[in-house]
Protein backbone atom coordinates (compact mmCIF):
# COMPACT_ATOMS: atom_id res chain seq x y z
CA UNK A 1 -15.74 1.46 -27.66
CA UNK A 2 -14.51 4.33 -25.49
CA UNK A 3 -15.45 4.75 -21.83
CA UNK A 4 -17.15 8.02 -22.77
CA UNK A 5 -19.30 6.25 -25.36
CA UNK A 6 -20.18 3.42 -22.96
CA UNK A 7 -21.28 5.90 -20.29
CA UNK A 8 -23.19 7.97 -22.85
CA UNK A 9 -24.98 4.89 -24.19
CA UNK A 10 -25.89 3.81 -20.65
CA UNK A 11 -27.41 7.21 -19.89
CA UNK A 12 -24.81 8.33 -17.35
CA UNK A 13 -23.65 11.20 -19.52
CA UNK A 14 -26.06 13.67 -21.05
CA UNK A 15 -25.66 14.01 -24.82
CA UNK A 16 -25.53 17.78 -24.36
CA UNK A 17 -22.84 17.73 -21.66
CA UNK A 18 -19.55 19.35 -22.55
CA UNK A 19 -16.24 18.10 -21.19
CA UNK A 20 -12.77 19.58 -21.19
CA UNK A 21 -9.91 17.56 -22.63
CA UNK A 22 -8.75 16.78 -19.09
CA UNK A 23 -12.25 15.54 -18.17
CA UNK A 24 -12.28 13.28 -21.22
CA UNK A 25 -8.81 11.98 -20.34
CA UNK A 26 -10.00 11.19 -16.82
CA UNK A 27 -13.03 9.29 -18.16
CA UNK A 28 -10.81 7.31 -20.51
CA UNK A 29 -8.38 6.50 -17.67
CA UNK A 30 -11.06 4.49 -15.87
CA UNK A 31 -10.70 0.74 -16.08
CA UNK A 32 -13.34 -1.36 -17.78
CA UNK A 33 -14.32 -2.74 -14.36
CA UNK A 34 -14.81 0.80 -13.00
CA UNK A 35 -17.05 1.74 -15.92
CA UNK A 36 -18.97 -1.53 -15.52
CA UNK A 37 -19.54 -0.71 -11.83
CA UNK A 38 -20.82 2.78 -12.64
CA UNK A 39 -23.22 1.40 -15.23
CA UNK A 40 -24.41 -1.29 -12.81
CA UNK A 41 -25.12 1.21 -10.01
CA UNK A 42 -26.94 3.48 -12.46
CA UNK A 43 -29.07 0.57 -13.70
CA UNK A 44 -29.96 -0.49 -10.15
CA UNK A 45 -30.51 2.98 -8.67
CA UNK A 46 -31.82 5.00 -11.61
CA UNK A 47 -35.50 4.24 -11.03
CA UNK A 48 -35.10 4.94 -7.30
CA UNK A 49 -33.65 8.39 -7.99
CA UNK A 50 -36.35 9.23 -10.54
CA UNK A 51 -39.17 8.14 -8.23
CA UNK A 52 -37.85 10.22 -5.34
CA UNK A 53 -37.23 13.20 -7.58
CA UNK A 54 -40.81 13.12 -8.82
CA UNK A 55 -42.14 12.73 -5.27
CA UNK A 56 -40.17 15.84 -4.28
CA UNK A 57 -41.49 17.76 -7.29
CA UNK A 58 -38.12 17.81 -9.04
CA UNK A 59 -37.31 17.04 -12.64
CA UNK A 60 -35.88 13.50 -12.80
CA UNK A 61 -33.64 14.60 -15.66
CA UNK A 62 -31.91 17.05 -13.36
CA UNK A 63 -31.31 14.62 -10.53
CA UNK A 64 -28.28 12.43 -10.15
CA UNK A 65 -26.71 9.94 -7.83
CA UNK A 66 -23.66 11.36 -6.12
CA UNK A 67 -21.06 8.87 -5.00
CA UNK A 68 -18.36 10.26 -2.74
CA UNK A 69 -15.23 8.32 -1.97
């Protein structure tokens, strides 16, 4: 399974999102451990983000977790 498909299945990528070929190449260049970490953070923080979005009157579907390195 591709990294893109794993992230899509885990809900990290919107089914309607469009990516350039270079974006797709970047996603596929991630290691399996990196993708696992992203999925884990999403699973642990997703409810937190949705709850705070709703409390702020925002659409949870339009909120995201931003991780800056």
